[in-house]
């Protein structure tokens, strides 16, 4: 049996290549990547991480360093489920969900990296190996893009070989949103899958009205039309708007997903391993979705999620996100141009190896 002898936390604040905007979070100028390195007494190191949209990353790093490190030291790293439970219950009284789920995620992903490397297996095979590919869509934070730039950005996705795209909604008027939907549908044609995302910006009534207006444009799903806790509202939007609804990136525990599926009738649950407690939490949501005969999709973190989704028989869509974490790794997301699908990495471990030289200028004390 090996033991954990050290837990090192690092914090990176990385500028985005351009300012991006969505309807609820406003302008994004940076994203943050807290990274955890867990070392064992037999000389192995596992690397895990989480990310934010520019706020809270320093607090996450401190939470890991000041609280979760003490939970992990001297423990057997192979007992991933036990450690996930200990981290959750060790901190639940002051931080159930929220920042804790991000901090636990980074540690949990590092533990899975150790496990997969020890097994000498790529993550997608260790978790089941259903496939080595998954459906993928391009999803930019593009609310502030003028229409011509919006169209050019989606053409870029088509040129990459992607067969699905998503745009942000939440303009000052619904008429503007519908104009952008119409223009993108005309650009991509009838055979490319099209999703939209309102980033929690609408009331239930406005979302129902919007759903009806976008009906002619063959939208696969409307993502986060209203605040994530309004399960009844989600169910109303789906039923009265006659549209499939997606959500989950702002849910932090598997129990919240259970409520969203049972009461919100979400058609496309979207757990994010970075904030639902890591790979362990994500797998619980994927299993929950499968028992409800639903596919499971993802939000962000494409360089890791490609392996998680590829392992699942109920895999939905991988989001290729505007926070380009994968551009700071040795293997940015690979798209097979012949079918537009994302390809899971074959290297042992989680398949995410950071380029420390690229990251170095953005390392920040906390």
Foldseek 3Di string as FASTA:
>chain_A
DKAWADKDKFKFKAFFPDWFQAQPPGIAGIKMKIKIWIAIPVGDIFIFIFMGSGPDRVVLRCCCVVPLRVLRGGDDLQPLVVSLVCQQVVCVVPCRFDSSLLNLARVSQRSQLVVLVVVQWALLVVLAQQDQWAAAEEEESHPPPPLVVVLVVRVVLVVLQHQEYEYEDNPPDLVVVLVSLVVNCVSNDDRRAYAYEDPQNDDLVVLLVSLQSCVVSRHQEYENPHDLQPLQSLLCSCVSSVGAYEYACPDAELVSLVCNCPRNVHQEYAYESSRNSHPVRVVSNCVVQVVVVHAYEYDDPQQQVRSVLSNDPRHDYYYPYSNQQQVQFPDGWDADNVNNITGHDTGGGSRTHGNCVVRVVRTDDD
